[in-house]
Amino acid sequence: MIDLAKSRIKISAYREPDGDERLAEVAKRCPAKVIALHDHKGMLSVNWLTTPTIGELTEVVQAWANHYEYCLEHYVCGVPLSAPSHTEGNYPQSIRGKR
């Protein structure tokens, strides 16, 4: 049995009988920036203290995939983390103005 009281990450699950155990295992592999994990029917919500790097995101995705789950959503201090938008300045030079 994993002692969740000693975990630095807040862990919660929506009516999953093995949710706490599974999340505790994932939490062990999470970078220090992760402050909370919540499993809602296989969708893992990850709350980060600061914006994660691609490598840190990959660590969490791989840890969750080890439990045959692949749906994740990420937040930074409760705000959804999103990919950069494709504004005019973000397009490669060859396709600017051709949208």
Protein backbone atom coordinates (compact mmCIF):
# COMPACT_ATOMS: atom_id res chain seq x y z
CA MET A 1 0.00 0.00 0.00
CA ILE A 2 1.35 3.44 -0.95
CA ASP A 3 1.20 6.13 1.76
CA LEU A 4 -0.55 9.04 0.04
CA ALA A 5 -0.10 11.25 3.10
CA LYS A 6 3.61 11.48 2.27
CA SER A 7 3.04 12.41 -1.37
CA ARG A 8 3.95 15.95 -2.41
CA ILE A 9 1.31 15.80 -5.15
CA LYS A 10 -2.42 16.12 -4.44
CA ILE A 11 -4.10 13.01 -5.80
CA SER A 12 -7.80 12.46 -6.48
CA ALA A 13 -9.90 10.09 -8.56
CA TYR A 14 -13.55 9.92 -9.60
CA ARG A 15 -14.93 6.66 -8.22
CA GLU A 16 -12.03 4.55 -9.40
CA PRO A 17 -11.46 1.60 -7.05
CA ASP A 18 -7.76 1.43 -7.91
CA GLY A 19 -7.44 5.13 -8.77
CA ASP A 20 -5.42 6.20 -5.75
CA GLU A 21 -2.93 3.35 -6.16
CA ARG A 22 -2.55 3.98 -9.87
CA LEU A 23 -2.18 7.73 -9.42
CA ALA A 24 0.35 7.24 -6.63
CA GLU A 25 2.46 5.17 -9.03
CA VAL A 26 2.18 7.88 -11.71
CA ALA A 27 3.01 10.58 -9.10
CA LYS A 28 6.30 8.82 -8.29
CA ARG A 29 7.43 9.39 -11.88
CA CYS A 30 6.23 13.01 -12.17
CA PRO A 31 8.60 15.97 -12.26
CA ALA A 32 8.71 18.22 -9.19
CA LYS A 33 6.61 20.88 -10.97
CA VAL A 34 3.46 18.70 -10.80
CA ILE A 35 1.24 19.77 -7.92
CA ALA A 36 -1.94 17.74 -8.53
CA LEU A 37 -3.27 14.74 -10.46
CA HIS A 38 -6.93 13.88 -10.96
CA ASP A 39 -8.27 10.82 -12.77
CA HIS A 40 -11.79 11.21 -14.14
CA LYS A 41 -12.77 7.97 -15.85
CA GLY A 42 -9.37 7.58 -17.53
CA MET A 43 -8.80 11.28 -18.31
CA LEU A 44 -5.81 12.47 -16.31
CA SER A 45 -5.78 16.14 -15.34
CA VAL A 46 -2.29 17.33 -14.47
CA ASN A 47 -1.81 20.63 -12.66
CA TRP A 48 1.67 22.15 -12.89
CA LEU A 49 3.24 24.80 -10.68
CA THR A 50 5.03 26.35 -13.67
CA THR A 51 4.93 25.73 -17.42
CA PRO A 52 6.43 22.31 -18.15
CA THR A 53 9.04 21.54 -20.78
CA ILE A 54 8.33 19.05 -23.57
CA GLY A 55 10.49 16.53 -21.70
CA GLU A 56 8.48 16.97 -18.50
CA LEU A 57 5.21 16.58 -20.38
CA THR A 58 6.56 13.42 -21.98
CA GLU A 59 7.48 11.95 -18.57
CA VAL A 60 3.89 12.30 -17.36
CA VAL A 61 2.40 11.00 -20.62
CA GLN A 62 4.62 7.92 -20.48
CA ALA A 63 3.83 7.30 -16.81
CA TRP A 64 0.08 7.42 -17.58
CA ALA A 65 0.49 5.25 -20.69
CA ASN A 66 2.06 2.54 -18.51
CA HIS A 67 -1.48 2.09 -17.15
CA TYR A 68 -2.96 1.81 -20.67
CA GLU A 69 -4.45 5.29 -20.47
CA TYR A 70 -3.71 7.95 -23.06
CA CYS A 71 -6.01 10.93 -22.40
CA LEU A 72 -4.47 13.84 -20.50
CA GLU A 73 -5.16 17.50 -19.99
CA HIS A 74 -2.64 19.91 -18.53
CA TYR A 75 -3.03 23.05 -16.44
CA VAL A 76 -0.59 25.59 -14.99
CA CYS A 77 -1.93 26.75 -11.60
CA GLY A 78 -5.44 25.85 -12.76
CA VAL A 79 -5.24 27.58 -16.15
CA PRO A 80 -5.45 25.25 -19.20
CA LEU A 81 -2.12 24.78 -20.95
CA SER A 82 -2.49 25.23 -24.70
CA ALA A 83 -0.23 25.03 -27.70
CA PRO A 84 0.98 28.28 -29.24
CA SER A 85 -1.55 29.76 -31.64
CA HIS A 86 -0.69 30.06 -35.31
CA THR A 87 -0.56 33.81 -35.72
CA GLU A 88 0.98 35.37 -38.80
CA GLY A 89 4.39 35.48 -37.12
CA ASN A 90 4.34 31.76 -36.26
CA TYR A 91 3.95 30.48 -39.83
CA PRO A 92 7.05 29.52 -41.79
CA GLN A 93 8.17 32.20 -44.28
CA SER A 94 7.12 30.01 -47.24
CA ILE A 95 3.41 29.96 -46.32
CA ARG A 96 2.85 33.42 -44.83
CA GLY A 97 -0.02 35.16 -46.56
CA LYS A 98 -1.16 31.92 -48.29
CA ARG A 99 -3.77 30.90 -45.69
